[in-house]
Amino acid sequence: GRQLGRIATVGADGTPHVVPVGWIYNAARDTIDVGGRELERSKKFRDAARTGRAAIVIDDVKTTDPWHPRAVEVRGRAEAITLPTPLIRIHPERIVSWGLDQPGSARTVAG
């Protein structure tokens, strides 16, 4: 099912743009696919189309007492796809995680 994350793109003037989005892991392509209502009209879609880059942070709070946030950040090449369903497809190049069961980690994805 869809989950909530925060996508980051960069505008034409170099200003970062971060907004909440729905996403799904596409196991067949090993990508993060970001969707949304009228996505193709959005700034994030235009930014991804122009730069070919995006990042997404997917996070939650496992417990509040003790405080235990956890997250995964995925950075990589982005495709702004219009048909058949508009989406931003992020091809992971760098994955950083923290607060998961293992200690914080980062890896660069070969490809």
PDB file of N, CA and C in Angstrom:
ATOM      1  N   GLY A   1       0.805  -1.196   0.000  1.00  0.00           N
ATOM      2  CA  GLY A   1       0.000   0.000   0.000  1.00  0.00           C
ATOM      3  C   GLY A   1       0.839   1.247   0.000  1.00  0.00           C
ATOM      4  N   ARG A   2       0.195   2.362  -0.136  1.00  0.00           N
ATOM      5  CA  ARG A   2       0.898   3.652  -0.139  1.00  0.00           C
ATOM      6  C   ARG A   2       1.305   4.059   1.260  1.00  0.00           C
ATOM      7  N   GLN A   3       2.451   4.672   1.322  1.00  0.00           N
ATOM      8  CA  GLN A   3       3.003   5.193   2.560  1.00  0.00           C
ATOM      9  C   GLN A   3       3.276   6.679   2.353  1.00  0.00           C
ATOM     10  N   LEU A   4       3.533   7.390   3.450  1.00  0.00           N
ATOM     11  CA  LEU A   4       3.842   8.814   3.362  1.00  0.00           C
ATOM     12  C   LEU A   4       5.338   9.033   3.534  1.00  0.00           C
ATOM     13  N   GLY A   5       5.895   9.870   2.669  1.00  0.00           N
ATOM     14  CA  GLY A   5       7.299  10.249   2.749  1.00  0.00           C
ATOM     15  C   GLY A   5       7.425  11.720   2.394  1.00  0.00           C
ATOM     16  N   ARG A   6       8.662  12.205   2.330  1.00  0.00           N
ATOM     17  CA  ARG A   6       8.913  13.595   1.968  1.00  0.00           C
ATOM     18  C   ARG A   6       9.917  13.611   0.823  1.00  0.00           C
ATOM     19  N   ILE A   7       9.492  14.153  -0.315  1.00  0.00           N
ATOM     20  CA  ILE A   7      10.381  14.220  -1.478  1.00  0.00           C
ATOM     21  C   ILE A   7      11.055  15.585  -1.507  1.00  0.00           C
ATOM     22  N   ALA A   8      12.323  15.579  -1.900  1.00  0.00           N
ATOM     23  CA  ALA A   8      13.089  16.817  -2.043  1.00  0.00           C
ATOM     24  C   ALA A   8      13.550  16.936  -3.489  1.00  0.00           C
ATOM     25  N   THR A   9      13.324  18.114  -4.049  1.00  0.00           N
ATOM     26  CA  THR A   9      13.807  18.442  -5.386  1.00  0.00           C
ATOM     27  C   THR A   9      14.438  19.829  -5.304  1.00  0.00           C
ATOM     28  N   VAL A  10      15.041  20.269  -6.402  1.00  0.00           N
ATOM     29  CA  VAL A  10      15.669  21.589  -6.433  1.00  0.00           C
ATOM     30  C   VAL A  10      15.056  22.390  -7.570  1.00  0.00           C
ATOM     31  N   GLY A  11      14.605  23.595  -7.242  1.00  0.00           N
ATOM     32  CA  GLY A  11      13.997  24.471  -8.228  1.00  0.00           C
ATOM     33  C   GLY A  11      15.016  25.067  -9.184  1.00  0.00           C
ATOM     34  N   ALA A  12      14.525  25.692 -10.239  1.00  0.00           N
ATOM     35  CA  ALA A  12      15.388  26.293 -11.258  1.00  0.00           C
ATOM     36  C   ALA A  12      16.313  27.349 -10.674  1.00  0.00           C
ATOM     37  N   ASP A  13      15.878  27.997  -9.582  1.00  0.00           N
ATOM     38  CA  ASP A  13      16.705  29.025  -8.951  1.00  0.00           C
ATOM     39  C   ASP A  13      17.623  28.453  -7.874  1.00  0.00           C
ATOM     40  N   GLY A  14      17.651  27.112  -7.731  1.00  0.00           N
ATOM     41  CA  GLY A  14      18.523  26.472  -6.749  1.00  0.00           C
ATOM     42  C   GLY A  14      17.913  26.298  -5.376  1.00  0.00           C
ATOM     43  N   THR A  15      16.664  26.719  -5.204  1.00  0.00           N
ATOM     44  CA  THR A  15      16.003  26.609  -3.908  1.00  0.00           C
ATOM     45  C   THR A  15      15.474  25.193  -3.693  1.00  0.00           C
ATOM     46  N   PRO A  16      15.800  24.579  -2.540  1.00  0.00           N
ATOM     47  CA  PRO A  16      15.246  23.254  -2.246  1.00  0.00           C
ATOM     48  C   PRO A  16      13.730  23.317  -2.078  1.00  0.00           C
ATOM     49  N   HIS A  17      13.071  22.231  -2.438  1.00  0.00           N
ATOM     50  CA  HIS A  17      11.613  22.114  -2.323  1.00  0.00           C
ATOM     51  C   HIS A  17      11.335  20.751  -1.702  1.00  0.00           C
ATOM     52  N   VAL A  18      10.685  20.731  -0.534  1.00  0.00           N
ATOM     53  CA  VAL A  18      10.393  19.483   0.178  1.00  0.00           C
ATOM     54  C   VAL A  18       8.908  19.443   0.494  1.00  0.00           C
ATOM     55  N   VAL A  19       8.243  18.340   0.096  1.00  0.00           N
ATOM     56  CA  VAL A  19       6.808  18.193   0.339  1.00  0.00           C
ATOM     57  C   VAL A  19       6.469  16.735   0.649  1.00  0.00           C
ATOM     58  N   PRO A  20       5.395  16.512   1.423  1.00  0.00           N
ATOM     59  CA  PRO A  20       4.962  15.137   1.681  1.00  0.00           C
ATOM     60  C   PRO A  20       4.324  14.532   0.436  1.00  0.00           C
ATOM     61  N   VAL A  21       4.566  13.232   0.238  1.00  0.00           N
ATOM     62  CA  VAL A  21       4.046  12.522  -0.933  1.00  0.00           C
ATOM     63  C   VAL A  21       3.711  11.075  -0.577  1.00  0.00           C
ATOM     64  N   GLY A  22       2.858  10.481  -1.391  1.00  0.00           N
ATOM     65  CA  GLY A  22       2.634   9.043  -1.323  1.00  0.00           C
ATOM     66  C   GLY A  22       3.700   8.348  -2.151  1.00  0.00           C
ATOM     67  N   TRP A  23       4.108   7.173  -1.720  1.00  0.00           N
ATOM     68  CA  TRP A  23       5.146   6.438  -2.436  1.00  0.00           C
ATOM     69  C   TRP A  23       4.887   4.945  -2.318  1.00  0.00           C
ATOM     70  N   ILE A  24       5.532   4.199  -3.192  1.00  0.00           N
ATOM     71  CA  ILE A  24       5.478   2.741  -3.133  1.00  0.00           C
ATOM     72  C   ILE A  24       6.823   2.211  -3.625  1.00  0.00           C
ATOM     73  N   TYR A  25       7.279   1.109  -3.031  1.00  0.00           N
ATOM     74  CA  TYR A  25       8.497   0.458  -3.502  1.00  0.00           C
ATOM     75  C   TYR A  25       8.142  -0.409  -4.701  1.00  0.00           C
ATOM     76  N   ASN A  26       8.806  -0.177  -5.813  1.00  0.00           N
ATOM     77  CA  ASN A  26       8.592  -0.945  -7.037  1.00  0.00           C
ATOM     78  C   ASN A  26       9.667  -2.038  -7.085  1.00  0.00           C
ATOM     79  N   ALA A  27       9.332  -3.223  -6.592  1.00  0.00           N
ATOM     80  CA  ALA A  27      10.295  -4.324  -6.494  1.00  0.00           C
ATOM     81  C   ALA A  27      10.787  -4.778  -7.864  1.00  0.00           C
ATOM     82  N   ALA A  28       9.939  -4.712  -8.875  1.00  0.00           N
ATOM     83  CA  ALA A  28      10.330  -5.148 -10.218  1.00  0.00           C
ATOM     84  C   ALA A  28      11.444  -4.274 -10.785  1.00  0.00           C
ATOM     85  N   ARG A  29      11.450  -2.992 -10.435  1.00  0.00           N
ATOM     86  CA  ARG A  29      12.451  -2.061 -10.955  1.00  0.00           C
ATOM     87  C   ARG A  29      13.462  -1.627  -9.901  1.00  0.00           C
ATOM     88  N   ASP A  30      13.242  -2.023  -8.640  1.00  0.00           N
ATOM     89  CA  ASP A  30      14.081  -1.620  -7.510  1.00  0.00           C
ATOM     90  C   ASP A  30      14.146  -0.094  -7.414  1.00  0.00           C
ATOM     91  N   THR A  31      12.968   0.529  -7.495  1.00  0.00           N
ATOM     92  CA  THR A  31      12.861   1.986  -7.434  1.00  0.00           C
ATOM     93  C   THR A  31      11.822   2.388  -6.393  1.00  0.00           C
ATOM     94  N   ILE A  32      11.836   3.657  -6.059  1.00  0.00           N
ATOM     95  CA  ILE A  32      10.778   4.259  -5.257  1.00  0.00           C
ATOM     96  C   ILE A  32       9.922   5.063  -6.229  1.00  0.00           C
ATOM     97  N   ASP A  33       8.642   4.732  -6.325  1.00  0.00           N
ATOM     98  CA  ASP A  33       7.721   5.424  -7.223  1.00  0.00           C
ATOM     99  C   ASP A  33       6.828   6.353  -6.411  1.00  0.00           C
ATOM    100  N   VAL A  34       6.882   7.626  -6.743  1.00  0.00           N
ATOM    101  CA  VAL A  34       6.140   8.667  -6.036  1.00  0.00           C
ATOM    102  C   VAL A  34       4.947   9.071  -6.885  1.00  0.00           C
ATOM    103  N   GLY A  35       3.778   9.087  -6.278  1.00  0.00           N
ATOM    104  CA  GLY A  35       2.574   9.482  -6.988  1.00  0.00           C
ATOM    105  C   GLY A  35       1.888  10.634  -6.291  1.00  0.00           C
ATOM    106  N   GLY A  36       0.749  11.016  -6.820  1.00  0.00           N
ATOM    107  CA  GLY A  36      -0.012  12.080  -6.191  1.00  0.00           C
ATOM    108  C   GLY A  36      -1.033  12.661  -7.135  1.00  0.00           C
ATOM    109  N   ARG A  37      -1.956  13.353  -6.534  1.00  0.00           N
ATOM    110  CA  ARG A  37      -3.024  13.985  -7.289  1.00  0.00           C
ATOM    111  C   ARG A  37      -2.473  15.111  -8.154  1.00  0.00           C
ATOM    112  N   GLU A  38      -2.814  15.084  -9.431  1.00  0.00           N
ATOM    113  CA  GLU A  38      -2.346  16.082 -10.399  1.00  0.00           C
ATOM    114  C   GLU A  38      -0.832  16.268 -10.337  1.00  0.00           C
ATOM    115  N   LEU A  39      -0.125  15.155 -10.155  1.00  0.00           N
ATOM    116  CA  LEU A  39       1.331  15.178  -9.996  1.00  0.00           C
ATOM    117  C   LEU A  39       2.023  15.902 -11.142  1.00  0.00           C
ATOM    118  N   GLU A  40       1.565  15.646 -12.372  1.00  0.00           N
ATOM    119  CA  GLU A  40       2.245  16.226 -13.536  1.00  0.00           C
ATOM    120  C   GLU A  40       2.157  17.751 -13.583  1.00  0.00           C
ATOM    121  N   ARG A  41       1.296  18.352 -12.775  1.00  0.00           N
ATOM    122  CA  ARG A  41       1.180  19.818 -12.710  1.00  0.00           C
ATOM    123  C   ARG A  41       1.995  20.408 -11.562  1.00  0.00           C
ATOM    124  N   SER A  42       2.662  19.566 -10.793  1.00  0.00           N
ATOM    125  CA  SER A  42       3.320  20.019  -9.561  1.00  0.00           C
ATOM    126  C   SER A  42       4.752  20.510  -9.797  1.00  0.00           C
ATOM    127  N   LYS A  43       5.204  21.336  -8.874  1.00  0.00           N
ATOM    128  CA  LYS A  43       6.579  21.828  -8.892  1.00  0.00           C
ATOM    129  C   LYS A  43       7.560  20.668  -8.778  1.00  0.00           C
ATOM    130  N   LYS A  44       7.279  19.709  -7.898  1.00  0.00           N
ATOM    131  CA  LYS A  44       8.194  18.571  -7.722  1.00  0.00           C
ATOM    132  C   LYS A  44       8.356  17.785  -9.027  1.00  0.00           C
ATOM    133  N   PHE A  45       7.278  17.633  -9.783  1.00  0.00           N
ATOM    134  CA  PHE A  45       7.331  16.915 -11.062  1.00  0.00           C
ATOM    135  C   PHE A  45       8.186  17.694 -12.061  1.00  0.00           C
ATOM    136  N   ARG A  46       7.952  19.004 -12.150  1.00  0.00           N
ATOM    137  CA  ARG A  46       8.743  19.842 -13.065  1.00  0.00           C
ATOM    138  C   ARG A  46      10.218  19.832 -12.676  1.00  0.00           C
ATOM    139  N   ASP A  47      10.487  19.938 -11.364  1.00  0.00           N
ATOM    140  CA  ASP A  47      11.878  19.915 -10.888  1.00  0.00           C
ATOM    141  C   ASP A  47      12.563  18.602 -11.254  1.00  0.00           C
ATOM    142  N   ALA A  48      11.889  17.480 -10.999  1.00  0.00           N
ATOM    143  CA  ALA A  48      12.476  16.165 -11.304  1.00  0.00           C
ATOM    144  C   ALA A  48      12.706  16.011 -12.805  1.00  0.00           C
ATOM    145  N   ALA A  49      11.768  16.496 -13.610  1.00  0.00           N
ATOM    146  CA  ALA A  49      11.916  16.421 -15.066  1.00  0.00           C
ATOM    147  C   ALA A  49      13.111  17.249 -15.532  1.00  0.00           C
ATOM    148  N   ARG A  50      13.289  18.421 -14.946  1.00  0.00           N
ATOM    149  CA  ARG A  50      14.354  19.326 -15.363  1.00  0.00           C
ATOM    150  C   ARG A  50      15.731  18.850 -14.909  1.00  0.00           C
ATOM    151  N   THR A  51      15.847  18.413 -13.642  1.00  0.00           N
ATOM    152  CA  THR A  51      17.165  18.077 -13.088  1.00  0.00           C
ATOM    153  C   THR A  51      17.519  16.599 -13.185  1.00  0.00           C
ATOM    154  N   GLY A  52      16.500  15.744 -13.243  1.00  0.00           N
ATOM    155  CA  GLY A  52      16.761  14.310 -13.236  1.00  0.00           C
ATOM    156  C   GLY A  52      17.259  13.799 -11.898  1.00  0.00           C
ATOM    157  N   ARG A  53      16.997  14.552 -10.816  1.00  0.00           N
ATOM    158  CA  ARG A  53      17.467  14.196  -9.473  1.00  0.00           C
ATOM    159  C   ARG A  53      16.347  14.399  -8.462  1.00  0.00           C
ATOM    160  N   ALA A  54      16.339  13.560  -7.420  1.00  0.00           N
ATOM    161  CA  ALA A  54      15.396  13.724  -6.310  1.00  0.00           C
ATOM    162  C   ALA A  54      15.878  12.886  -5.138  1.00  0.00           C
ATOM    163  N   ALA A  55      15.342  13.193  -3.977  1.00  0.00           N
ATOM    164  CA  ALA A  55      15.589  12.400  -2.774  1.00  0.00           C
ATOM    165  C   ALA A  55      14.265  12.252  -2.046  1.00  0.00           C
ATOM    166  N   ILE A  56      14.151  11.181  -1.267  1.00  0.00           N
ATOM    167  CA  ILE A  56      12.961  10.983  -0.448  1.00  0.00           C
ATOM    168  C   ILE A  56      13.395  10.492   0.924  1.00  0.00           C
ATOM    169  N   VAL A  57      12.738  10.986   1.950  1.00  0.00           N
ATOM    170  CA  VAL A  57      12.921  10.492   3.317  1.00  0.00           C
ATOM    171  C   VAL A  57      11.618   9.838   3.737  1.00  0.00           C
ATOM    172  N   ILE A  58      11.742   8.625   4.234  1.00  0.00           N
ATOM    173  CA  ILE A  58      10.608   7.859   4.743  1.00  0.00           C
ATOM    174  C   ILE A  58      10.903   7.627   6.215  1.00  0.00           C
ATOM    175  N   ASP A  59      10.042   8.134   7.098  1.00  0.00           N
ATOM    176  CA  ASP A  59      10.356   8.057   8.520  1.00  0.00           C
ATOM    177  C   ASP A  59       9.118   7.810   9.356  1.00  0.00           C
ATOM    178  N   ASP A  60       9.353   7.407  10.589  1.00  0.00           N
ATOM    179  CA  ASP A  60       8.288   7.284  11.578  1.00  0.00           C
ATOM    180  C   ASP A  60       8.923   7.299  12.964  1.00  0.00           C
ATOM    181  N   VAL A  61       8.091   7.191  13.981  1.00  0.00           N
ATOM    182  CA  VAL A  61       8.569   7.117  15.357  1.00  0.00           C
ATOM    183  C   VAL A  61       8.156   5.758  15.896  1.00  0.00           C
ATOM    184  N   LYS A  62       9.151   4.908  16.186  1.00  0.00           N
ATOM    185  CA  LYS A  62       8.873   3.559  16.681  1.00  0.00           C
ATOM    186  C   LYS A  62       8.255   3.617  18.072  1.00  0.00           C
ATOM    187  N   THR A  63       8.853   4.419  18.959  1.00  0.00           N
ATOM    188  CA  THR A  63       8.315   4.627  20.310  1.00  0.00           C
ATOM    189  C   THR A  63       8.577   6.068  20.728  1.00  0.00           C
ATOM    190  N   THR A  64       7.734   6.574  21.625  1.00  0.00           N
ATOM    191  CA  THR A  64       7.950   7.928  22.141  1.00  0.00           C
ATOM    192  C   THR A  64       8.609   7.917  23.516  1.00  0.00           C
ATOM    193  N   ASP A  65       8.555   6.792  24.220  1.00  0.00           N
ATOM    194  CA  ASP A  65       9.187   6.698  25.541  1.00  0.00           C
ATOM    195  C   ASP A  65       9.817   5.324  25.692  1.00  0.00           C
ATOM    196  N   PRO A  66      11.091   5.175  25.348  1.00  0.00           N
ATOM    197  CA  PRO A  66      12.017   6.246  24.968  1.00  0.00           C
ATOM    198  C   PRO A  66      11.802   6.703  23.517  1.00  0.00           C
ATOM    199  N   TRP A  67      12.246   7.930  23.258  1.00  0.00           N
ATOM    200  CA  TRP A  67      12.144   8.510  21.927  1.00  0.00           C
ATOM    201  C   TRP A  67      12.982   7.681  20.964  1.00  0.00           C
ATOM    202  N   HIS A  68      12.357   7.172  19.890  1.00  0.00           N
ATOM    203  CA  HIS A  68      13.059   6.296  18.952  1.00  0.00           C
ATOM    204  C   HIS A  68      12.573   6.557  17.518  1.00  0.00           C
ATOM    205  N   PRO A  69      13.047   7.661  16.906  1.00  0.00           N
ATOM    206  CA  PRO A  69      12.712   7.885  15.500  1.00  0.00           C
ATOM    207  C   PRO A  69      13.558   6.972  14.618  1.00  0.00           C
ATOM    208  N   ARG A  70      13.050   6.674  13.438  1.00  0.00           N
ATOM    209  CA  ARG A  70      13.801   5.865  12.479  1.00  0.00           C
ATOM    210  C   ARG A  70      13.460   6.354  11.075  1.00  0.00           C
ATOM    211  N   ALA A  71      14.421   6.197  10.168  1.00  0.00           N
ATOM    212  CA  ALA A  71      14.204   6.736   8.825  1.00  0.00           C
ATOM    213  C   ALA A  71      15.132   6.094   7.809  1.00  0.00           C
ATOM    214  N   VAL A  72      14.732   6.236   6.564  1.00  0.00           N
ATOM    215  CA  VAL A  72      15.552   5.867   5.416  1.00  0.00           C
ATOM    216  C   VAL A  72      15.510   7.048   4.450  1.00  0.00           C
ATOM    217  N   GLU A  73      16.673   7.456   3.984  1.00  0.00           N
ATOM    218  CA  GLU A  73      16.769   8.488   2.950  1.00  0.00           C
ATOM    219  C   GLU A  73      17.293   7.822   1.685  1.00  0.00           C
ATOM    220  N   VAL A  74      16.633   8.079   0.574  1.00  0.00           N
ATOM    221  CA  VAL A  74      17.045   7.528  -0.719  1.00  0.00           C
ATOM    222  C   VAL A  74      17.289   8.704  -1.657  1.00  0.00           C
ATOM    223  N   ARG A  75      18.504   8.792  -2.188  1.00  0.00           N
ATOM    224  CA  ARG A  75      18.848   9.828  -3.160  1.00  0.00           C
ATOM    225  C   ARG A  75      19.187   9.161  -4.482  1.00  0.00           C
ATOM    226  N   GLY A  76      18.841   9.812  -5.584  1.00  0.00           N
ATOM    227  CA  GLY A  76      19.218   9.216  -6.853  1.00  0.00           C
ATOM    228  C   GLY A  76      18.676   9.924  -8.064  1.00  0.00           C
ATOM    229  N   ARG A  77      18.808   9.219  -9.176  1.00  0.00           N
ATOM    230  CA  ARG A  77      18.318   9.706 -10.458  1.00  0.00           C
ATOM    231  C   ARG A  77      16.798   9.627 -10.451  1.00  0.00           C
ATOM    232  N   ALA A  78      16.160  10.641 -11.004  1.00  0.00           N
ATOM    233  CA  ALA A  78      14.696  10.687 -11.016  1.00  0.00           C
ATOM    234  C   ALA A  78      14.178  10.804 -12.445  1.00  0.00           C
ATOM    235  N   GLU A  79      13.099  10.079 -12.701  1.00  0.00           N
ATOM    236  CA  GLU A  79      12.386  10.189 -13.972  1.00  0.00           C
ATOM    237  C   GLU A  79      11.009  10.764 -13.689  1.00  0.00           C
ATOM    238  N   ALA A  80      10.600  11.745 -14.466  1.00  0.00           N
ATOM    239  CA  ALA A  80       9.238  12.268 -14.397  1.00  0.00           C
ATOM    240  C   ALA A  80       8.460  11.598 -15.525  1.00  0.00           C
ATOM    241  N   ILE A  81       7.642  10.633 -15.168  1.00  0.00           N
ATOM    242  CA  ILE A  81       6.929   9.803 -16.140  1.00  0.00           C
ATOM    243  C   ILE A  81       5.478  10.280 -16.232  1.00  0.00           C
ATOM    244  N   THR A  82       4.987  10.508 -17.453  1.00  0.00           N
ATOM    245  CA  THR A  82       3.622  11.025 -17.611  1.00  0.00           C
ATOM    246  C   THR A  82       2.590   9.944 -17.880  1.00  0.00           C
ATOM    247  N   LEU A  83       2.956   8.884 -18.606  1.00  0.00           N
ATOM    248  CA  LEU A  83       1.980   7.861 -18.982  1.00  0.00           C
ATOM    249  C   LEU A  83       2.459   6.474 -18.585  1.00  0.00           C
ATOM    250  N   PRO A  84       1.607   5.529 -18.261  1.00  0.00           N
ATOM    251  CA  PRO A  84       0.151   5.652 -18.237  1.00  0.00           C
ATOM    252  C   PRO A  84      -0.361   6.392 -17.000  1.00  0.00           C
ATOM    253  N   THR A  85       0.372   6.335 -15.901  1.00  0.00           N
ATOM    254  CA  THR A  85       0.006   7.060 -14.685  1.00  0.00           C
ATOM    255  C   THR A  85       1.180   7.949 -14.303  1.00  0.00           C
ATOM    256  N   PRO A  86       0.964   9.256 -14.137  1.00  0.00           N
ATOM    257  CA  PRO A  86       2.070  10.140 -13.780  1.00  0.00           C
ATOM    258  C   PRO A  86       2.735   9.714 -12.469  1.00  0.00           C
ATOM    259  N   LEU A  87       4.071   9.678 -12.491  1.00  0.00           N
ATOM    260  CA  LEU A  87       4.825   9.386 -11.278  1.00  0.00           C
ATOM    261  C   LEU A  87       6.242   9.892 -11.414  1.00  0.00           C
ATOM    262  N   ILE A  88       6.892  10.032 -10.271  1.00  0.00           N
ATOM    263  CA  ILE A  88       8.320  10.321 -10.231  1.00  0.00           C
ATOM    264  C   ILE A  88       8.978   9.028  -9.774  1.00  0.00           C
ATOM    265  N   ARG A  89       9.839   8.486 -10.602  1.00  0.00           N
ATOM    266  CA  ARG A  89      10.520   7.223 -10.284  1.00  0.00           C
ATOM    267  C   ARG A  89      11.948   7.550  -9.854  1.00  0.00           C
ATOM    268  N   ILE A  90      12.272   7.219  -8.605  1.00  0.00           N
ATOM    269  CA  ILE A  90      13.614   7.473  -8.074  1.00  0.00           C
ATOM    270  C   ILE A  90      14.426   6.182  -8.146  1.00  0.00           C
ATOM    271  N   HIS A  91      15.543   6.252  -8.858  1.00  0.00           N
ATOM    272  CA  HIS A  91      16.480   5.136  -8.974  1.00  0.00           C
ATOM    273  C   HIS A  91      17.563   5.341  -7.915  1.00  0.00           C
ATOM    274  N   PRO A  92      17.575   4.541  -6.852  1.00  0.00           N
ATOM    275  CA  PRO A  92      18.503   4.775  -5.740  1.00  0.00           C
ATOM    276  C   PRO A  92      19.970   4.749  -6.162  1.00  0.00           C
ATOM    277  N   GLU A  93      20.711   5.764  -5.701  1.00  0.00           N
ATOM    278  CA  GLU A  93      22.161   5.804  -5.851  1.00  0.00           C
ATOM    279  C   GLU A  93      22.834   5.859  -4.484  1.00  0.00           C
ATOM    280  N   ARG A  94      22.144   6.421  -3.516  1.00  0.00           N
ATOM    281  CA  ARG A  94      22.663   6.524  -2.149  1.00  0.00           C
ATOM    282  C   ARG A  94      21.506   6.277  -1.196  1.00  0.00           C
ATOM    283  N   ILE A  95      21.709   5.381  -0.237  1.00  0.00           N
ATOM    284  CA  ILE A  95      20.690   5.055   0.763  1.00  0.00           C
ATOM    285  C   ILE A  95      21.307   5.228   2.139  1.00  0.00           C
ATOM    286  N   VAL A  96      20.666   6.029   2.975  1.00  0.00           N
ATOM    287  CA  VAL A  96      21.129   6.277   4.338  1.00  0.00           C
ATOM    288  C   VAL A  96      19.981   5.930   5.276  1.00  0.00           C
ATOM    289  N   SER A  97      20.297   5.210   6.358  1.00  0.00           N
ATOM    290  CA  SER A  97      19.246   4.875   7.325  1.00  0.00           C
ATOM    291  C   SER A  97      19.739   5.138   8.734  1.00  0.00           C
ATOM    292  N   TRP A  98      18.788   5.380   9.626  1.00  0.00           N
ATOM    293  CA  TRP A  98      19.111   5.529  11.040  1.00  0.00           C
ATOM    294  C   TRP A  98      17.914   5.118  11.875  1.00  0.00           C
ATOM    295  N   GLY A  99      18.203   4.643  13.089  1.00  0.00           N
ATOM    296  CA  GLY A  99      17.144   4.267  14.013  1.00  0.00           C
ATOM    297  C   GLY A  99      16.499   2.928  13.730  1.00  0.00           C
ATOM    298  N   LEU A 100      16.998   2.199  12.739  1.00  0.00           N
ATOM    299  CA  LEU A 100      16.461   0.874  12.455  1.00  0.00           C
ATOM    300  C   LEU A 100      17.092  -0.114  13.432  1.00  0.00           C
ATOM    301  N   ASP A 101      16.792  -1.379  13.304  1.00  0.00           N
ATOM    302  CA  ASP A 101      17.311  -2.360  14.247  1.00  0.00           C
ATOM    303  C   ASP A 101      18.831  -2.442  14.243  1.00  0.00           C
ATOM    304  N   GLN A 102      19.446  -2.168  13.098  1.00  0.00           N
ATOM    305  CA  GLN A 102      20.896  -2.153  13.038  1.00  0.00           C
ATOM    306  C   GLN A 102      21.383  -0.723  13.248  1.00  0.00           C
ATOM    307  N   PRO A 103      22.678  -0.535  13.567  1.00  0.00           N
ATOM    308  CA  PRO A 103      23.207   0.826  13.719  1.00  0.00           C
ATOM    309  C   PRO A 103      23.030   1.622  12.428  1.00  0.00           C
ATOM    310  N   GLY A 104      23.106   2.940  12.532  1.00  0.00           N
ATOM    311  CA  GLY A 104      22.982   3.801  11.356  1.00  0.00           C
ATOM    312  C   GLY A 104      23.924   3.353  10.258  1.00  0.00           C
ATOM    313  N   SER A 105      23.469   3.438   9.043  1.00  0.00           N
ATOM    314  CA  SER A 105      24.307   2.976   7.949  1.00  0.00           C
ATOM    315  C   SER A 105      24.048   3.806   6.707  1.00  0.00           C
ATOM    316  N   ALA A 106      24.994   3.722   5.788  1.00  0.00           N
ATOM    317  CA  ALA A 106      24.859   4.386   4.498  1.00  0.00           C
ATOM    318  C   ALA A 106      25.510   3.489   3.467  1.00  0.00           C
ATOM    319  N   ARG A 107      24.950   3.499   2.269  1.00  0.00           N
ATOM    320  CA  ARG A 107      25.601   2.747   1.200  1.00  0.00           C
ATOM    321  C   ARG A 107      25.336   3.432  -0.127  1.00  0.00           C
ATOM    322  N   THR A 108      26.319   3.309  -0.987  1.00  0.00           N
ATOM    323  CA  THR A 108      26.180   3.781  -2.351  1.00  0.00           C
ATOM    324  C   THR A 108      25.772   2.582  -3.188  1.00  0.00           C
ATOM    325  N   VAL A 109      24.743   2.750  -3.978  1.00  0.00           N
ATOM    326  CA  VAL A 109      24.204   1.659  -4.781  1.00  0.00           C
ATOM    327  C   VAL A 109      24.935   1.622  -6.111  1.00  0.00           C
ATOM    328  N   ALA A 110      25.521   0.486  -6.427  1.00  0.00           N
ATOM    329  CA  ALA A 110      26.209   0.332  -7.715  1.00  0.00           C
ATOM    330  C   ALA A 110      25.164   0.211  -8.816  1.00  0.00           C
ATOM    331  N   GLY A 111      25.473   0.697  -9.969  1.00  0.00           N
ATOM    332  CA  GLY A 111      24.506   0.538 -11.044  1.00  0.00           C
ATOM    333  C   GLY A 111      24.750   1.502 -12.085  1.00  0.00           C
TER     334      GLY A 111
END
